[in-house]
Amino acid sequence: MDHFSISIIIRTALGIASAAMLALFIYPITRDIFNAGNAAGIALSAALLMICVFYERFCGIITSLYRSVPGKIVLAAAAVLIVASVICAAVMSILMNKAASNAPPSGDTTVIVLGCKVKDGRPSRMLRCRLDAAYDFLADNPEAYAVVSGGKGDDETISEAQCMYDYLCGRGISPERLYIEDKSTDTRENLIFSKEIIEREGLSRNITLITDGFHQYRASMLAKEIGIKPYAVSADTLWWLIPTYYVREWMGIAYYAVR
């Protein structure tokens, strides 16, 4: 097989991979999910696909840039940025997976269930997955209590906390084991206000966060800022949401690091 044939095969494989990734980032939009994660993913996947489709023209631009000193500087800077971004994404992914697997050593813990979108008074797909994880943990650990945490958005008919409380009670968790925190508007406030409830009610200071696995690392960083060293129980994430929310979380962690 000659060099030209190998090049065609590689370009075709990369083009198919780019198109598949583009579809994965676009699909959540059809399910009313659009955020910085799939916006960035769409832009990057589309750029890679265009490079594969217009490979000769792309090579011509690179060659033209390389002929001048300013062009070489631009190419070198771009290469450094790409390599640094890949390394950072890999490191963040490792840290995210490690945080997601930090399970509590026993049932002597107070659970904080972090809120998510409520639609028409019912939990969204992602929130339902978090609640199912919370239910499983509380059912397996009958001595544990939980704080369900999340306020009411402008487009929500009830607070996220109330929705979570109703869902867990509806599945048989005793209301006496659940505390409602319905004032928060973001993860930091989830943790601050939930900690206040835990301290006021004399609940176990061994705290376990229940959220999606990709969110555990950033949530744990915020928790440590306010004096919580949390464990983690991670909800399952729908496979088609993983690319969008991983990219969004990389951006969130980067912002947290430089803010």
C-alpha atoms as a PDB file:
ATOM      1  CA  MET A   1       0.000   0.000   0.000  1.00  0.00           C
ATOM      2  CA  ASP A   2       1.511   3.321  -1.067  1.00  0.00           C
ATOM      3  CA  HIS A   3       1.722   6.542   0.941  1.00  0.00           C
ATOM      4  CA  PHE A   4      -1.206   8.139  -0.919  1.00  0.00           C
ATOM      5  CA  SER A   5      -3.529   5.241  -0.104  1.00  0.00           C
ATOM      6  CA  ILE A   6      -2.555   5.333   3.573  1.00  0.00           C
ATOM      7  CA  SER A   7      -3.206   9.081   3.667  1.00  0.00           C
ATOM      8  CA  ILE A   8      -6.682   8.574   2.169  1.00  0.00           C
ATOM      9  CA  ILE A   9      -7.504   5.883   4.737  1.00  0.00           C
ATOM     10  CA  ILE A  10      -6.346   8.058   7.650  1.00  0.00           C
ATOM     11  CA  ARG A  11      -8.246  11.102   6.388  1.00  0.00           C
ATOM     12  CA  THR A  12     -11.396   9.017   5.876  1.00  0.00           C
ATOM     13  CA  ALA A  13     -11.155   7.515   9.374  1.00  0.00           C
ATOM     14  CA  LEU A  14     -10.591  10.926  10.959  1.00  0.00           C
ATOM     15  CA  GLY A  15     -13.446  12.382   8.924  1.00  0.00           C
ATOM     16  CA  ILE A  16     -15.840   9.650  10.055  1.00  0.00           C
ATOM     17  CA  ALA A  17     -14.717  10.100  13.685  1.00  0.00           C
ATOM     18  CA  SER A  18     -15.177  13.879  13.439  1.00  0.00           C
ATOM     19  CA  ALA A  19     -18.633  13.485  11.922  1.00  0.00           C
ATOM     20  CA  ALA A  20     -19.614  11.031  14.667  1.00  0.00           C
ATOM     21  CA  MET A  21     -18.421  13.425  17.380  1.00  0.00           C
ATOM     22  CA  LEU A  22     -20.259  16.301  15.687  1.00  0.00           C
ATOM     23  CA  ALA A  23     -23.464  14.256  15.776  1.00  0.00           C
ATOM     24  CA  LEU A  24     -22.919  13.431  19.467  1.00  0.00           C
ATOM     25  CA  PHE A  25     -22.592  17.099  20.343  1.00  0.00           C
ATOM     26  CA  ILE A  26     -25.575  18.113  18.196  1.00  0.00           C
ATOM     27  CA  TYR A  27     -27.954  15.396  19.402  1.00  0.00           C
ATOM     28  CA  PRO A  28     -28.479  16.842  22.928  1.00  0.00           C
ATOM     29  CA  ILE A  29     -29.759  20.054  21.330  1.00  0.00           C
ATOM     30  CA  THR A  30     -32.692  18.045  19.930  1.00  0.00           C
ATOM     31  CA  ARG A  31     -33.470  17.106  23.547  1.00  0.00           C
ATOM     32  CA  ASP A  32     -33.434  20.733  24.735  1.00  0.00           C
ATOM     33  CA  ILE A  33     -29.888  20.561  26.115  1.00  0.00           C
ATOM     34  CA  PHE A  34     -27.563  23.308  24.916  1.00  0.00           C
ATOM     35  CA  ASN A  35     -24.619  24.656  26.878  1.00  0.00           C
ATOM     36  CA  ALA A  36     -20.976  25.647  26.541  1.00  0.00           C
ATOM     37  CA  GLY A  37     -19.974  21.979  26.328  1.00  0.00           C
ATOM     38  CA  ASN A  38     -21.793  21.077  23.150  1.00  0.00           C
ATOM     39  CA  ALA A  39     -21.181  24.542  21.683  1.00  0.00           C
ATOM     40  CA  ALA A  40     -17.416  24.032  22.033  1.00  0.00           C
ATOM     41  CA  GLY A  41     -17.691  20.412  20.920  1.00  0.00           C
ATOM     42  CA  ILE A  42     -19.640  21.351  17.798  1.00  0.00           C
ATOM     43  CA  ALA A  43     -17.079  24.016  16.889  1.00  0.00           C
ATOM     44  CA  LEU A  44     -14.101  21.689  17.367  1.00  0.00           C
ATOM     45  CA  SER A  45     -15.696  18.679  15.629  1.00  0.00           C
ATOM     46  CA  ALA A  46     -16.816  20.826  12.686  1.00  0.00           C
ATOM     47  CA  ALA A  47     -13.313  22.301  12.358  1.00  0.00           C
ATOM     48  CA  LEU A  48     -11.722  18.839  12.314  1.00  0.00           C
ATOM     49  CA  LEU A  49     -14.267  17.632   9.763  1.00  0.00           C
ATOM     50  CA  MET A  50     -13.553  20.630   7.527  1.00  0.00           C
ATOM     51  CA  ILE A  51      -9.817  19.927   7.738  1.00  0.00           C
ATOM     52  CA  CYS A  52     -10.433  16.356   6.576  1.00  0.00           C
ATOM     53  CA  VAL A  53     -12.722  17.439   3.731  1.00  0.00           C
ATOM     54  CA  PHE A  54     -10.465  20.290   2.549  1.00  0.00           C
ATOM     55  CA  TYR A  55      -7.169  18.630   3.436  1.00  0.00           C
ATOM     56  CA  GLU A  56      -5.169  19.862   0.441  1.00  0.00           C
ATOM     57  CA  ARG A  57      -6.259  23.460   0.956  1.00  0.00           C
ATOM     58  CA  PHE A  58      -5.475  23.170   4.673  1.00  0.00           C
ATOM     59  CA  CYS A  59      -1.994  21.831   3.892  1.00  0.00           C
ATOM     60  CA  GLY A  60      -1.496  24.715   1.483  1.00  0.00           C
ATOM     61  CA  ILE A  61      -2.324  27.256   4.203  1.00  0.00           C
ATOM     62  CA  ILE A  62       0.061  25.567   6.652  1.00  0.00           C
ATOM     63  CA  THR A  63       2.838  25.520   4.051  1.00  0.00           C
ATOM     64  CA  SER A  64       2.267  29.175   3.266  1.00  0.00           C
ATOM     65  CA  LEU A  65       2.418  30.146   6.950  1.00  0.00           C
ATOM     66  CA  TYR A  66       5.581  28.120   7.489  1.00  0.00           C
ATOM     67  CA  ARG A  67       7.465  30.153   4.873  1.00  0.00           C
ATOM     68  CA  SER A  68       7.516  33.283   7.056  1.00  0.00           C
ATOM     69  CA  VAL A  69       8.821  33.934  10.562  1.00  0.00           C
ATOM     70  CA  PRO A  70       5.488  35.303  11.864  1.00  0.00           C
ATOM     71  CA  GLY A  71       3.758  32.302  10.335  1.00  0.00           C
ATOM     72  CA  LYS A  72       6.145  29.912  12.099  1.00  0.00           C
ATOM     73  CA  ILE A  73       5.446  31.690  15.386  1.00  0.00           C
ATOM     74  CA  VAL A  74       1.694  31.318  14.859  1.00  0.00           C
ATOM     75  CA  LEU A  75       2.051  27.628  14.016  1.00  0.00           C
ATOM     76  CA  ALA A  76       4.308  27.004  17.015  1.00  0.00           C
ATOM     77  CA  ALA A  77       1.904  28.810  19.336  1.00  0.00           C
ATOM     78  CA  ALA A  78      -1.024  26.834  17.942  1.00  0.00           C
ATOM     79  CA  ALA A  79       0.866  23.563  18.385  1.00  0.00           C
ATOM     80  CA  VAL A  80       1.747  24.407  22.000  1.00  0.00           C
ATOM     81  CA  LEU A  81      -1.859  25.390  22.720  1.00  0.00           C
ATOM     82  CA  ILE A  82      -3.220  22.168  21.218  1.00  0.00           C
ATOM     83  CA  VAL A  83      -0.758  19.936  23.100  1.00  0.00           C
ATOM     84  CA  ALA A  84      -1.333  21.816  26.369  1.00  0.00           C
ATOM     85  CA  SER A  85      -5.110  21.542  25.949  1.00  0.00           C
ATOM     86  CA  VAL A  86      -4.943  17.796  25.328  1.00  0.00           C
ATOM     87  CA  ILE A  87      -2.700  17.282  28.360  1.00  0.00           C
ATOM     88  CA  CYS A  88      -4.957  19.419  30.571  1.00  0.00           C
ATOM     89  CA  ALA A  89      -8.068  17.585  29.388  1.00  0.00           C
ATOM     90  CA  ALA A  90      -6.417  14.224  30.116  1.00  0.00           C
ATOM     91  CA  VAL A  91      -5.298  15.307  33.611  1.00  0.00           C
ATOM     92  CA  MET A  92      -8.725  16.756  34.427  1.00  0.00           C
ATOM     93  CA  SER A  93     -10.421  13.563  33.230  1.00  0.00           C
ATOM     94  CA  ILE A  94      -8.214  11.466  35.504  1.00  0.00           C
ATOM     95  CA  LEU A  95      -8.999  13.718  38.473  1.00  0.00           C
ATOM     96  CA  MET A  96     -12.717  13.664  37.646  1.00  0.00           C
ATOM     97  CA  ASN A  97     -12.788   9.870  37.506  1.00  0.00           C
ATOM     98  CA  LYS A  98     -10.830   9.608  40.743  1.00  0.00           C
ATOM     99  CA  ALA A  99     -13.223  11.961  42.551  1.00  0.00           C
ATOM    100  CA  ALA A 100     -16.233  10.045  41.216  1.00  0.00           C
ATOM    101  CA  SER A 101     -14.954   6.802  42.761  1.00  0.00           C
ATOM    102  CA  ASN A 102     -14.357   8.218  46.264  1.00  0.00           C
ATOM    103  CA  ALA A 103     -17.143   6.196  47.891  1.00  0.00           C
ATOM    104  CA  PRO A 104     -17.939   6.596  51.617  1.00  0.00           C
ATOM    105  CA  PRO A 105     -16.397   3.832  53.764  1.00  0.00           C
ATOM    106  CA  SER A 106     -19.639   3.290  55.708  1.00  0.00           C
ATOM    107  CA  GLY A 107     -23.264   4.385  55.974  1.00  0.00           C
ATOM    108  CA  ASP A 108     -22.391   6.862  58.738  1.00  0.00           C
ATOM    109  CA  THR A 109     -22.744   9.827  56.435  1.00  0.00           C
ATOM    110  CA  THR A 110     -25.080  12.647  55.514  1.00  0.00           C
ATOM    111  CA  VAL A 111     -25.926  12.787  51.848  1.00  0.00           C
ATOM    112  CA  ILE A 112     -26.222  16.034  49.903  1.00  0.00           C
ATOM    113  CA  VAL A 113     -28.103  15.492  46.665  1.00  0.00           C
ATOM    114  CA  LEU A 114     -27.156  18.293  44.274  1.00  0.00           C
ATOM    115  CA  GLY A 115     -30.037  19.677  42.259  1.00  0.00           C
ATOM    116  CA  CYS A 116     -30.572  19.798  38.531  1.00  0.00           C
ATOM    117  CA  LYS A 117     -33.248  20.906  36.090  1.00  0.00           C
ATOM    118  CA  VAL A 118     -36.937  20.369  36.902  1.00  0.00           C
ATOM    119  CA  LYS A 119     -39.337  20.233  33.949  1.00  0.00           C
ATOM    120  CA  ASP A 120     -43.088  20.661  34.445  1.00  0.00           C
ATOM    121  CA  GLY A 121     -42.734  19.768  38.110  1.00  0.00           C
ATOM    122  CA  ARG A 122     -40.902  16.523  37.382  1.00  0.00           C
ATOM    123  CA  PRO A 123     -37.191  15.695  37.510  1.00  0.00           C
ATOM    124  CA  SER A 124     -35.259  15.974  34.260  1.00  0.00           C
ATOM    125  CA  ARG A 125     -33.407  12.912  32.977  1.00  0.00           C
ATOM    126  CA  MET A 126     -30.202  13.942  34.708  1.00  0.00           C
ATOM    127  CA  LEU A 127     -31.908  14.770  37.997  1.00  0.00           C
ATOM    128  CA  ARG A 128     -33.788  11.472  37.919  1.00  0.00           C
ATOM    129  CA  CYS A 129     -30.488   9.611  37.590  1.00  0.00           C
ATOM    130  CA  ARG A 130     -29.138  11.477  40.634  1.00  0.00           C
ATOM    131  CA  LEU A 131     -32.288  10.678  42.579  1.00  0.00           C
ATOM    132  CA  ASP A 132     -32.116   7.003  41.656  1.00  0.00           C
ATOM    133  CA  ALA A 133     -28.538   6.921  42.968  1.00  0.00           C
ATOM    134  CA  ALA A 134     -29.712   8.676  46.151  1.00  0.00           C
ATOM    135  CA  TYR A 135     -32.580   6.217  46.570  1.00  0.00           C
ATOM    136  CA  ASP A 136     -30.275   3.209  46.184  1.00  0.00           C
ATOM    137  CA  PHE A 137     -27.829   4.585  48.749  1.00  0.00           C
ATOM    138  CA  LEU A 138     -30.512   5.544  51.277  1.00  0.00           C
ATOM    139  CA  ALA A 139     -32.262   2.207  50.859  1.00  0.00           C
ATOM    140  CA  ASP A 140     -28.983   0.356  51.479  1.00  0.00           C
ATOM    141  CA  ASN A 141     -28.051   2.614  54.423  1.00  0.00           C
ATOM    142  CA  PRO A 142     -31.205   3.161  56.521  1.00  0.00           C
ATOM    143  CA  GLU A 143     -29.289   5.129  59.177  1.00  0.00           C
ATOM    144  CA  ALA A 144     -28.230   7.814  56.683  1.00  0.00           C
ATOM    145  CA  TYR A 145     -29.994  11.164  56.259  1.00  0.00           C
ATOM    146  CA  ALA A 146     -30.059  13.371  53.167  1.00  0.00           C
ATOM    147  CA  VAL A 147     -30.279  17.034  52.288  1.00  0.00           C
ATOM    148  CA  VAL A 148     -31.922  17.603  48.914  1.00  0.00           C
ATOM    149  CA  SER A 149     -30.514  20.859  47.610  1.00  0.00           C
ATOM    150  CA  GLY A 150     -31.688  23.173  44.864  1.00  0.00           C
ATOM    151  CA  GLY A 151     -33.744  26.342  44.501  1.00  0.00           C
ATOM    152  CA  LYS A 152     -36.449  27.289  42.030  1.00  0.00           C
ATOM    153  CA  GLY A 153     -35.434  28.689  38.657  1.00  0.00           C
ATOM    154  CA  ASP A 154     -37.511  31.196  36.732  1.00  0.00           C
ATOM    155  CA  ASP A 155     -38.650  28.461  34.348  1.00  0.00           C
ATOM    156  CA  GLU A 156     -39.420  25.887  37.059  1.00  0.00           C
ATOM    157  CA  THR A 157     -42.832  25.458  38.699  1.00  0.00           C
ATOM    158  CA  ILE A 158     -41.401  24.092  41.965  1.00  0.00           C
ATOM    159  CA  SER A 159     -37.970  24.107  43.544  1.00  0.00           C
ATOM    160  CA  GLU A 160     -35.516  21.373  42.645  1.00  0.00           C
ATOM    161  CA  ALA A 161     -35.358  20.418  46.333  1.00  0.00           C
ATOM    162  CA  GLN A 162     -39.137  19.993  46.572  1.00  0.00           C
ATOM    163  CA  CYS A 163     -39.146  17.904  43.406  1.00  0.00           C
ATOM    164  CA  MET A 164     -36.392  15.680  44.818  1.00  0.00           C
ATOM    165  CA  TYR A 165     -38.175  15.363  48.160  1.00  0.00           C
ATOM    166  CA  ASP A 166     -41.426  14.331  46.465  1.00  0.00           C
ATOM    167  CA  TYR A 167     -39.641  11.803  44.247  1.00  0.00           C
ATOM    168  CA  LEU A 168     -37.744  10.106  47.074  1.00  0.00           C
ATOM    169  CA  CYS A 169     -40.777  10.055  49.359  1.00  0.00           C
ATOM    170  CA  GLY A 170     -42.808   8.624  46.508  1.00  0.00           C
ATOM    171  CA  ARG A 171     -40.337   5.757  46.254  1.00  0.00           C
ATOM    172  CA  GLY A 172     -40.613   4.985  49.949  1.00  0.00           C
ATOM    173  CA  ILE A 173     -37.864   6.983  51.666  1.00  0.00           C
ATOM    174  CA  SER A 174     -39.149   8.274  55.010  1.00  0.00           C
ATOM    175  CA  PRO A 175     -39.731  12.049  55.034  1.00  0.00           C
ATOM    176  CA  GLU A 176     -38.024  12.172  58.450  1.00  0.00           C
ATOM    177  CA  ARG A 177     -34.736  11.270  56.734  1.00  0.00           C
ATOM    178  CA  LEU A 178     -34.916  14.147  54.244  1.00  0.00           C
ATOM    179  CA  TYR A 179     -34.137  17.837  54.700  1.00  0.00           C
ATOM    180  CA  ILE A 180     -35.048  20.446  52.098  1.00  0.00           C
ATOM    181  CA  GLU A 181     -32.628  23.197  51.059  1.00  0.00           C
ATOM    182  CA  ASP A 182     -34.495  25.253  48.482  1.00  0.00           C
ATOM    183  CA  LYS A 183     -32.723  28.638  48.426  1.00  0.00           C
ATOM    184  CA  SER A 184     -29.567  27.885  46.456  1.00  0.00           C
ATOM    185  CA  THR A 185     -28.926  28.957  42.874  1.00  0.00           C
ATOM    186  CA  ASP A 186     -25.638  27.161  42.115  1.00  0.00           C
ATOM    187  CA  THR A 187     -23.374  24.383  43.400  1.00  0.00           C
ATOM    188  CA  ARG A 188     -21.493  26.620  45.823  1.00  0.00           C
ATOM    189  CA  GLU A 189     -24.750  27.722  47.456  1.00  0.00           C
ATOM    190  CA  ASN A 190     -25.998  24.113  47.433  1.00  0.00           C
ATOM    191  CA  LEU A 191     -23.045  23.213  49.610  1.00  0.00           C
ATOM    192  CA  ILE A 192     -23.028  26.287  51.862  1.00  0.00           C
ATOM    193  CA  PHE A 193     -26.741  26.137  52.687  1.00  0.00           C
ATOM    194  CA  SER A 194     -26.748  22.344  53.040  1.00  0.00           C
ATOM    195  CA  LYS A 195     -23.812  22.516  55.437  1.00  0.00           C
ATOM    196  CA  GLU A 196     -25.776  24.998  57.560  1.00  0.00           C
ATOM    197  CA  ILE A 197     -28.678  22.539  57.776  1.00  0.00           C
ATOM    198  CA  ILE A 198     -26.356  19.666  58.664  1.00  0.00           C
ATOM    199  CA  GLU A 199     -24.746  21.667  61.474  1.00  0.00           C
ATOM    200  CA  ARG A 200     -28.072  23.004  62.766  1.00  0.00           C
ATOM    201  CA  GLU A 201     -29.709  19.584  62.848  1.00  0.00           C
ATOM    202  CA  GLY A 202     -26.693  17.796  64.331  1.00  0.00           C
ATOM    203  CA  LEU A 203     -26.353  15.389  61.409  1.00  0.00           C
ATOM    204  CA  SER A 204     -23.218  13.406  60.632  1.00  0.00           C
ATOM    205  CA  ARG A 205     -20.338  15.592  59.488  1.00  0.00           C
ATOM    206  CA  ASN A 206     -19.187  12.802  57.181  1.00  0.00           C
ATOM    207  CA  ILE A 207     -20.687  14.210  54.005  1.00  0.00           C
ATOM    208  CA  THR A 208     -21.314  12.431  50.727  1.00  0.00           C
ATOM    209  CA  LEU A 209     -22.194  14.284  47.545  1.00  0.00           C
ATOM    210  CA  ILE A 210     -24.584  12.694  45.093  1.00  0.00           C
ATOM    211  CA  THR A 211     -24.265  14.100  41.614  1.00  0.00           C
ATOM    212  CA  ASP A 212     -23.108  12.951  38.185  1.00  0.00           C
ATOM    213  CA  GLY A 213     -19.653  11.425  38.082  1.00  0.00           C
ATOM    214  CA  PHE A 214     -18.274  14.127  35.787  1.00  0.00           C
ATOM    215  CA  HIS A 215     -19.385  16.798  38.310  1.00  0.00           C
ATOM    216  CA  GLN A 216     -17.870  15.239  41.440  1.00  0.00           C
ATOM    217  CA  TYR A 217     -14.396  16.733  41.104  1.00  0.00           C
ATOM    218  CA  ARG A 218     -15.492  20.353  40.746  1.00  0.00           C
ATOM    219  CA  ALA A 219     -18.146  19.883  43.433  1.00  0.00           C
ATOM    220  CA  SER A 220     -15.505  18.474  45.772  1.00  0.00           C
ATOM    221  CA  MET A 221     -13.215  21.459  45.129  1.00  0.00           C
ATOM    222  CA  LEU A 222     -16.031  23.834  46.041  1.00  0.00           C
ATOM    223  CA  ALA A 223     -16.882  21.731  49.097  1.00  0.00           C
ATOM    224  CA  LYS A 224     -13.317  21.834  50.394  1.00  0.00           C
ATOM    225  CA  GLU A 225     -13.369  25.631  50.160  1.00  0.00           C
ATOM    226  CA  ILE A 226     -16.094  25.724  52.807  1.00  0.00           C
ATOM    227  CA  GLY A 227     -14.626  23.063  55.068  1.00  0.00           C
ATOM    228  CA  ILE A 228     -16.227  19.902  53.699  1.00  0.00           C
ATOM    229  CA  LYS A 229     -14.071  16.912  52.741  1.00  0.00           C
ATOM    230  CA  PRO A 230     -16.684  14.960  50.816  1.00  0.00           C
ATOM    231  CA  TYR A 231     -17.143  11.398  49.706  1.00  0.00           C
ATOM    232  CA  ALA A 232     -18.925  10.659  46.448  1.00  0.00           C
ATOM    233  CA  VAL A 233     -21.818   8.566  45.224  1.00  0.00           C
ATOM    234  CA  SER A 234     -22.100   9.084  41.494  1.00  0.00           C
ATOM    235  CA  ALA A 235     -25.201   8.857  39.354  1.00  0.00           C
ATOM    236  CA  ASP A 236     -25.196   7.152  35.997  1.00  0.00           C
ATOM    237  CA  THR A 237     -24.979   9.576  33.083  1.00  0.00           C
ATOM    238  CA  LEU A 238     -26.762   8.880  29.815  1.00  0.00           C
ATOM    239  CA  TRP A 239     -24.063   7.911  27.309  1.00  0.00           C
ATOM    240  CA  TRP A 240     -25.040  10.516  24.729  1.00  0.00           C
ATOM    241  CA  LEU A 241     -24.613  13.292  27.299  1.00  0.00           C
ATOM    242  CA  ILE A 242     -21.076  12.330  28.329  1.00  0.00           C
ATOM    243  CA  PRO A 243     -19.157  14.240  25.589  1.00  0.00           C
ATOM    244  CA  THR A 244     -21.184  17.436  26.106  1.00  0.00           C
ATOM    245  CA  TYR A 245     -20.895  17.449  29.872  1.00  0.00           C
ATOM    246  CA  TYR A 246     -17.254  16.377  29.989  1.00  0.00           C
ATOM    247  CA  VAL A 247     -16.278  19.292  27.753  1.00  0.00           C
ATOM    248  CA  ARG A 248     -18.456  21.644  29.794  1.00  0.00           C
ATOM    249  CA  GLU A 249     -16.843  20.374  32.991  1.00  0.00           C
ATOM    250  CA  TRP A 250     -13.321  20.850  31.611  1.00  0.00           C
ATOM    251  CA  MET A 251     -14.251  24.458  30.947  1.00  0.00           C
ATOM    252  CA  GLY A 252     -15.736  24.821  34.428  1.00  0.00           C
ATOM    253  CA  ILE A 253     -12.645  23.396  36.127  1.00  0.00           C
ATOM    254  CA  ALA A 254     -10.369  25.654  34.057  1.00  0.00           C
ATOM    255  CA  TYR A 255     -12.450  28.677  35.017  1.00  0.00           C
ATOM    256  CA  TYR A 256     -12.349  27.639  38.670  1.00  0.00           C
ATOM    257  CA  ALA A 257      -8.551  27.336  38.519  1.00  0.00           C
ATOM    258  CA  VAL A 258      -7.968  30.826  37.089  1.00  0.00           C
ATOM    259  CA  ARG A 259     -10.768  32.845  38.693  1.00  0.00           C
END
